[in-house]
Each structure stands twice: as C-alpha cells, then as structure tokens.
Amino acid sequence: MEITLSLPDWVQPELDKLPTHFATVEERMAQVIHFSRLNFMYKTGGPFAAGIFERDSGKLITMGVNRVVPSSCSSAHAEIMALSVAQKKLGTFDLGGEGQPAHQIVINGQPCAMCFGAIPWSGVRSVVTAAHGYEVEALTGFDEGPVHPNWIHELEKRDIEVITDVLRKEACNALAAFGRSGQIVYNGRLG
C-alpha cells in the first residue's frame, strides 16, 4: 500500500518566480501569506501555508500548502506538507541533523495540535508564526485542537526558537477572506 501527497500544480511556477533567499522573517512571512491566499483562491485547499528556510541565510527550501480536502487526508496540513517536501528534497528526516544548517518553519498561523507535535520531530530550530490560534478559529471556523497552553515554552525548552506575531494583521486579513468565501471547513465530524 502506498500514500502519495502532492502540492498543487500552481506551486512550482509560483516558487520559480521567487528569489532564492529572503533576508528577514517579514519577507519570508509575506510569501507564506501569499501562498495561503493562492491556495484558497485556486480552491486547492485550506487557507494555510508554511515555508521552510535556512534560518541564518534565508535560503528558501520549499513552500507547503494545506491539501486536506483534495487529498482526502486529514494530516495533509501545510506544515506537514512543507516539512515532508523539505526532508525529501534534502534527503534527511532530520532538518536539524549534523552538518545541516539551522532550518526555520514560517507559518501563517499558530500550529494546530497535530502540527505542533510534528515540529520538534522535524529537526527545525526556529518557528515563526503570524496569527494566533484563537484568531484562526474565529476567522475561519477551523478547530485547532487541544494545543498545549505553553506551546512556546515547550518548543523553547527543546532549543527551538519561537518568533510570533510576524505580519499578524496581514495573515488575519487573509484568513478572514477565506472565512467569507464560503469554502469547506473540514473539522472532524464537521465540528
């Protein structure tokens, strides 16, 4: 048996338009928010995107977008897609392994319960977020699950840097646009 998850056809042409490096977390987040908007505008998934970058150089490794509904796979969240593509591209399950630069995941919203769990196991050394979990839920109707109340501390005690509120207003505007779009909100058992 085999499971195959893929990014939408529009992702690679969009990646090809981008520079190879982004100096600041704001520049990185702007692209993640752009991809989150494109994903629901093209109706290829939910309003979530994540990018994997080399933290210090700003080199873009890949972008991932939410693919739950088109893939019929509840775990095809943007973070999982981005981490999986980056690991495949770099040939490693550990994005923090020996000889690797420090990798950073940039996400347009606070990670949900599942994606929070995937972050320490991925090996990334830095997490950058925009919208808070309660904002994601209020603006979109998605249930973010039972996220640990001290999620930032839990990552930091594992030597994973956490930077929050980067372009938060812009991310919330994109999430609100999805909320107004009438597209499917796929909470388990519909809520």
C-alpha atoms as a PDB file:
ATOM      1  CA  MET A   1       0.000   0.000   0.000  1.00  0.00           C
ATOM      2  CA  GLU A   2       1.231   3.491  -0.771  1.00  0.00           C
ATOM      3  CA  ILE A   3       0.187   7.009   0.156  1.00  0.00           C
ATOM      4  CA  THR A   4       1.098   9.895  -2.117  1.00  0.00           C
ATOM      5  CA  LEU A   5       0.541  13.521  -1.246  1.00  0.00           C
ATOM      6  CA  SER A   6       1.343  16.283  -3.688  1.00  0.00           C
ATOM      7  CA  LEU A   7       1.298  20.039  -3.871  1.00  0.00           C
ATOM      8  CA  PRO A   8      -0.997  21.744  -6.398  1.00  0.00           C
ATOM      9  CA  ASP A   9       0.278  22.347  -9.931  1.00  0.00           C
ATOM     10  CA  TRP A  10       0.447  26.114  -9.387  1.00  0.00           C
ATOM     11  CA  VAL A  11       3.031  25.854  -6.557  1.00  0.00           C
ATOM     12  CA  GLN A  12       6.160  25.183  -8.636  1.00  0.00           C
ATOM     13  CA  PRO A  13       5.547  28.047 -11.108  1.00  0.00           C
ATOM     14  CA  GLU A  14       5.000  30.363  -8.116  1.00  0.00           C
ATOM     15  CA  LEU A  15       8.205  29.112  -6.477  1.00  0.00           C
ATOM     16  CA  ASP A  16      10.074  29.703  -9.737  1.00  0.00           C
ATOM     17  CA  LYS A  17       9.128  33.410  -9.558  1.00  0.00           C
ATOM     18  CA  LEU A  18      10.724  33.866  -6.142  1.00  0.00           C
ATOM     19  CA  PRO A  19      14.265  34.851  -5.248  1.00  0.00           C
ATOM     20  CA  THR A  20      16.388  32.140  -3.686  1.00  0.00           C
ATOM     21  CA  HIS A  21      16.881  33.994  -0.389  1.00  0.00           C
ATOM     22  CA  PHE A  22      14.777  36.164   1.942  1.00  0.00           C
ATOM     23  CA  ALA A  23      16.754  38.222   4.442  1.00  0.00           C
ATOM     24  CA  THR A  24      14.072  38.920   7.062  1.00  0.00           C
ATOM     25  CA  VAL A  25      11.306  36.958   8.741  1.00  0.00           C
ATOM     26  CA  GLU A  26       8.874  39.591   7.458  1.00  0.00           C
ATOM     27  CA  GLU A  27       9.905  38.904   3.857  1.00  0.00           C
ATOM     28  CA  ARG A  28       9.547  35.170   4.459  1.00  0.00           C
ATOM     29  CA  MET A  29       6.130  35.573   6.095  1.00  0.00           C
ATOM     30  CA  ALA A  30       4.868  37.786   3.258  1.00  0.00           C
ATOM     31  CA  GLN A  31       5.477  34.926   0.833  1.00  0.00           C
ATOM     32  CA  VAL A  32       3.838  32.385   3.143  1.00  0.00           C
ATOM     33  CA  ILE A  33       0.730  34.580   3.400  1.00  0.00           C
ATOM     34  CA  HIS A  34       0.724  34.975  -0.394  1.00  0.00           C
ATOM     35  CA  PHE A  35       0.776  31.178  -0.812  1.00  0.00           C
ATOM     36  CA  SER A  36      -2.001  30.783   1.785  1.00  0.00           C
ATOM     37  CA  ARG A  37      -4.206  33.160  -0.231  1.00  0.00           C
ATOM     38  CA  LEU A  38      -3.407  31.455  -3.528  1.00  0.00           C
ATOM     39  CA  ASN A  39      -4.308  28.077  -2.064  1.00  0.00           C
ATOM     40  CA  PHE A  40      -7.884  29.003  -1.282  1.00  0.00           C
ATOM     41  CA  MET A  41      -8.257  31.300  -4.292  1.00  0.00           C
ATOM     42  CA  TYR A  42      -7.364  28.362  -6.564  1.00  0.00           C
ATOM     43  CA  LYS A  43      -9.586  26.132  -4.388  1.00  0.00           C
ATOM     44  CA  THR A  44      -6.737  23.667  -3.861  1.00  0.00           C
ATOM     45  CA  GLY A  45      -7.003  23.516  -0.061  1.00  0.00           C
ATOM     46  CA  GLY A  46      -7.496  25.472   3.125  1.00  0.00           C
ATOM     47  CA  PRO A  47      -6.039  28.944   3.842  1.00  0.00           C
ATOM     48  CA  PHE A  48      -2.782  27.720   5.321  1.00  0.00           C
ATOM     49  CA  ALA A  49       0.799  27.773   4.071  1.00  0.00           C
ATOM     50  CA  ALA A  50       4.224  27.116   5.542  1.00  0.00           C
ATOM     51  CA  GLY A  51       7.709  27.746   4.251  1.00  0.00           C
ATOM     52  CA  ILE A  52      10.974  26.056   5.147  1.00  0.00           C
ATOM     53  CA  PHE A  53      14.030  28.302   5.065  1.00  0.00           C
ATOM     54  CA  GLU A  54      17.617  28.154   6.213  1.00  0.00           C
ATOM     55  CA  ARG A  55      17.271  30.335   9.298  1.00  0.00           C
ATOM     56  CA  ASP A  56      20.530  32.240   9.013  1.00  0.00           C
ATOM     57  CA  SER A  57      20.978  32.630   5.251  1.00  0.00           C
ATOM     58  CA  GLY A  58      17.283  32.997   4.410  1.00  0.00           C
ATOM     59  CA  LYS A  59      17.561  30.425   1.633  1.00  0.00           C
ATOM     60  CA  LEU A  60      14.123  29.149   0.630  1.00  0.00           C
ATOM     61  CA  ILE A  61      13.937  25.354   0.667  1.00  0.00           C
ATOM     62  CA  THR A  62      10.239  24.945  -0.156  1.00  0.00           C
ATOM     63  CA  MET A  63       6.681  26.042   0.485  1.00  0.00           C
ATOM     64  CA  GLY A  64       3.810  23.817   1.501  1.00  0.00           C
ATOM     65  CA  VAL A  65       0.092  24.463   1.439  1.00  0.00           C
ATOM     66  CA  ASN A  66      -2.870  22.748   3.031  1.00  0.00           C
ATOM     67  CA  ARG A  67      -4.106  19.770   0.967  1.00  0.00           C
ATOM     68  CA  VAL A  68      -6.582  18.058   3.329  1.00  0.00           C
ATOM     69  CA  VAL A  69      -9.737  18.110   1.189  1.00  0.00           C
ATOM     70  CA  PRO A  70      -8.168  17.500  -2.265  1.00  0.00           C
ATOM     71  CA  SER A  71      -6.002  14.676  -0.848  1.00  0.00           C
ATOM     72  CA  SER A  72      -8.702  13.094   1.333  1.00  0.00           C
ATOM     73  CA  CYS A  73      -6.085  13.117   4.071  1.00  0.00           C
ATOM     74  CA  SER A  74      -6.655  14.860   7.411  1.00  0.00           C
ATOM     75  CA  SER A  75      -2.906  15.096   8.072  1.00  0.00           C
ATOM     76  CA  ALA A  76      -2.095  16.996   4.836  1.00  0.00           C
ATOM     77  CA  HIS A  77      -1.703  20.304   6.677  1.00  0.00           C
ATOM     78  CA  ALA A  78       0.599  22.998   5.301  1.00  0.00           C
ATOM     79  CA  GLU A  79       3.282  22.376   7.916  1.00  0.00           C
ATOM     80  CA  ILE A  80       3.311  18.623   7.282  1.00  0.00           C
ATOM     81  CA  MET A  81       3.473  19.188   3.525  1.00  0.00           C
ATOM     82  CA  ALA A  82       6.317  21.720   3.826  1.00  0.00           C
ATOM     83  CA  LEU A  83       8.340  19.619   6.255  1.00  0.00           C
ATOM     84  CA  SER A  84       7.858  16.465   4.187  1.00  0.00           C
ATOM     85  CA  VAL A  85       8.854  18.113   0.896  1.00  0.00           C
ATOM     86  CA  ALA A  86      11.898  19.747   2.519  1.00  0.00           C
ATOM     87  CA  GLN A  87      13.025  16.471   4.080  1.00  0.00           C
ATOM     88  CA  LYS A  88      12.613  14.635   0.769  1.00  0.00           C
ATOM     89  CA  LYS A  89      14.390  17.400  -1.152  1.00  0.00           C
ATOM     90  CA  LEU A  90      17.307  17.471   1.308  1.00  0.00           C
ATOM     91  CA  GLY A  91      17.445  13.690   1.736  1.00  0.00           C
ATOM     92  CA  THR A  92      17.052  13.689   5.517  1.00  0.00           C
ATOM     93  CA  PHE A  93      14.360  13.083   8.106  1.00  0.00           C
ATOM     94  CA  ASP A  94      16.159  15.469  10.495  1.00  0.00           C
ATOM     95  CA  LEU A  95      16.270  19.124   9.439  1.00  0.00           C
ATOM     96  CA  GLY A  96      18.491  19.799  12.450  1.00  0.00           C
ATOM     97  CA  GLY A  97      20.902  16.935  11.952  1.00  0.00           C
ATOM     98  CA  GLU A  98      24.667  17.052  11.924  1.00  0.00           C
ATOM     99  CA  GLY A  99      26.032  19.040   9.004  1.00  0.00           C
ATOM    100  CA  GLN A 100      22.676  20.723   8.369  1.00  0.00           C
ATOM    101  CA  PRO A 101      22.168  24.466   8.639  1.00  0.00           C
ATOM    102  CA  ALA A 102      19.533  25.542  11.156  1.00  0.00           C
ATOM    103  CA  HIS A 103      16.160  25.337   9.420  1.00  0.00           C
ATOM    104  CA  GLN A 104      13.176  27.536  10.136  1.00  0.00           C
ATOM    105  CA  ILE A 105       9.483  26.924   9.508  1.00  0.00           C
ATOM    106  CA  VAL A 106       7.398  30.021   8.805  1.00  0.00           C
ATOM    107  CA  ILE A 107       3.629  29.540   9.231  1.00  0.00           C
ATOM    108  CA  ASN A 108       0.736  31.941   8.631  1.00  0.00           C
ATOM    109  CA  GLY A 109      -0.940  30.795  11.862  1.00  0.00           C
ATOM    110  CA  GLN A 110      -0.107  29.170  15.172  1.00  0.00           C
ATOM    111  CA  PRO A 111       0.393  25.431  14.626  1.00  0.00           C
ATOM    112  CA  CYS A 112      -2.603  23.226  15.377  1.00  0.00           C
ATOM    113  CA  ALA A 113      -2.298  20.316  17.800  1.00  0.00           C
ATOM    114  CA  MET A 114      -1.008  17.896  15.140  1.00  0.00           C
ATOM    115  CA  CYS A 115       1.480  20.269  13.535  1.00  0.00           C
ATOM    116  CA  PHE A 116       2.770  21.379  16.928  1.00  0.00           C
ATOM    117  CA  GLY A 117       3.689  17.736  17.568  1.00  0.00           C
ATOM    118  CA  ALA A 118       5.464  17.425  14.222  1.00  0.00           C
ATOM    119  CA  ILE A 119       7.715  20.440  14.752  1.00  0.00           C
ATOM    120  CA  PRO A 120      10.135  19.033  17.385  1.00  0.00           C
ATOM    121  CA  TRP A 121      10.424  15.745  15.492  1.00  0.00           C
ATOM    122  CA  SER A 122      11.250  17.528  12.220  1.00  0.00           C
ATOM    123  CA  GLY A 123      14.523  18.970  13.482  1.00  0.00           C
ATOM    124  CA  VAL A 124      13.745  22.614  12.682  1.00  0.00           C
ATOM    125  CA  ARG A 125      15.492  25.033  15.012  1.00  0.00           C
ATOM    126  CA  SER A 126      13.157  28.010  14.584  1.00  0.00           C
ATOM    127  CA  VAL A 127       9.397  28.612  14.248  1.00  0.00           C
ATOM    128  CA  VAL A 128       7.882  31.873  13.010  1.00  0.00           C
ATOM    129  CA  THR A 129       4.109  32.444  13.225  1.00  0.00           C
ATOM    130  CA  ALA A 130       1.617  35.179  12.372  1.00  0.00           C
ATOM    131  CA  ALA A 131      -1.999  34.691  13.531  1.00  0.00           C
ATOM    132  CA  HIS A 132      -2.792  33.259  16.955  1.00  0.00           C
ATOM    133  CA  GLY A 133      -4.774  30.023  17.260  1.00  0.00           C
ATOM    134  CA  TYR A 134      -7.870  31.744  18.620  1.00  0.00           C
ATOM    135  CA  GLU A 135      -7.780  34.114  15.627  1.00  0.00           C
ATOM    136  CA  VAL A 136      -7.538  31.218  13.178  1.00  0.00           C
ATOM    137  CA  GLU A 137     -10.586  29.612  14.807  1.00  0.00           C
ATOM    138  CA  ALA A 138     -12.623  32.839  14.974  1.00  0.00           C
ATOM    139  CA  LEU A 139     -11.832  33.963  11.408  1.00  0.00           C
ATOM    140  CA  THR A 140     -12.155  30.607   9.635  1.00  0.00           C
ATOM    141  CA  GLY A 141     -14.204  28.208  11.758  1.00  0.00           C
ATOM    142  CA  PHE A 142     -11.422  25.595  11.904  1.00  0.00           C
ATOM    143  CA  ASP A 143     -10.848  23.748  15.184  1.00  0.00           C
ATOM    144  CA  GLU A 144      -7.148  23.919  16.035  1.00  0.00           C
ATOM    145  CA  GLY A 145      -7.399  21.107  18.570  1.00  0.00           C
ATOM    146  CA  PRO A 146      -6.039  20.820  22.109  1.00  0.00           C
ATOM    147  CA  VAL A 147      -2.828  22.791  21.673  1.00  0.00           C
ATOM    148  CA  HIS A 148      -0.595  22.791  24.742  1.00  0.00           C
ATOM    149  CA  PRO A 149      -1.258  26.071  26.626  1.00  0.00           C
ATOM    150  CA  ASN A 150       2.501  26.649  26.973  1.00  0.00           C
ATOM    151  CA  TRP A 151       3.364  25.558  23.425  1.00  0.00           C
ATOM    152  CA  ILE A 152       6.039  28.243  23.020  1.00  0.00           C
ATOM    153  CA  HIS A 153       7.815  27.199  26.229  1.00  0.00           C
ATOM    154  CA  GLU A 154       7.614  23.537  25.185  1.00  0.00           C
ATOM    155  CA  LEU A 155       9.426  24.315  21.928  1.00  0.00           C
ATOM    156  CA  GLU A 156      11.939  26.679  23.536  1.00  0.00           C
ATOM    157  CA  LYS A 157      12.924  24.113  26.158  1.00  0.00           C
ATOM    158  CA  ARG A 158      13.816  21.870  23.200  1.00  0.00           C
ATOM    159  CA  ASP A 159      16.095  24.629  21.858  1.00  0.00           C
ATOM    160  CA  ILE A 160      13.643  25.673  19.159  1.00  0.00           C
ATOM    161  CA  GLU A 161      13.422  29.443  18.778  1.00  0.00           C
ATOM    162  CA  VAL A 162       9.861  30.835  18.521  1.00  0.00           C
ATOM    163  CA  ILE A 163       9.007  34.199  16.947  1.00  0.00           C
ATOM    164  CA  THR A 164       5.329  35.209  16.971  1.00  0.00           C
ATOM    165  CA  ASP A 165       3.119  37.972  15.560  1.00  0.00           C
ATOM    166  CA  VAL A 166       5.084  38.482  12.324  1.00  0.00           C
ATOM    167  CA  LEU A 167       2.720  40.216   9.859  1.00  0.00           C
ATOM    168  CA  ARG A 168      -0.138  39.123  12.096  1.00  0.00           C
ATOM    169  CA  LYS A 169      -2.617  41.657  10.706  1.00  0.00           C
ATOM    170  CA  GLU A 170      -1.892  40.612   7.108  1.00  0.00           C
ATOM    171  CA  ALA A 171      -2.294  36.937   7.977  1.00  0.00           C
ATOM    172  CA  CYS A 172      -5.582  37.614   9.763  1.00  0.00           C
ATOM    173  CA  ASN A 173      -6.852  39.546   6.726  1.00  0.00           C
ATOM    174  CA  ALA A 174      -6.151  36.529   4.505  1.00  0.00           C
ATOM    175  CA  LEU A 175      -7.809  34.137   6.963  1.00  0.00           C
ATOM    176  CA  ALA A 176     -10.853  36.424   7.175  1.00  0.00           C
ATOM    177  CA  ALA A 177     -11.091  36.433   3.367  1.00  0.00           C
ATOM    178  CA  PHE A 178     -11.235  32.641   3.462  1.00  0.00           C
ATOM    179  CA  GLY A 179     -13.882  32.796   6.189  1.00  0.00           C
ATOM    180  CA  ARG A 180     -16.050  34.966   3.944  1.00  0.00           C
ATOM    181  CA  SER A 181     -15.501  32.724   0.904  1.00  0.00           C
ATOM    182  CA  GLY A 182     -17.938  30.004   1.963  1.00  0.00           C
ATOM    183  CA  GLN A 183     -15.412  27.243   1.219  1.00  0.00           C
ATOM    184  CA  ILE A 184     -15.457  23.995   3.165  1.00  0.00           C
ATOM    185  CA  VAL A 185     -14.218  23.949   6.745  1.00  0.00           C
ATOM    186  CA  TYR A 186     -13.248  20.321   7.343  1.00  0.00           C
ATOM    187  CA  ASN A 187     -13.285  19.851  11.085  1.00  0.00           C
ATOM    188  CA  GLY A 188     -13.549  16.184  12.039  1.00  0.00           C
ATOM    189  CA  ARG A 189     -17.226  15.189  12.189  1.00  0.00           C
ATOM    190  CA  LEU A 190     -17.861  18.769  10.980  1.00  0.00           C
ATOM    191  CA  GLY A 191     -17.187  20.266  14.381  1.00  0.00           C
END
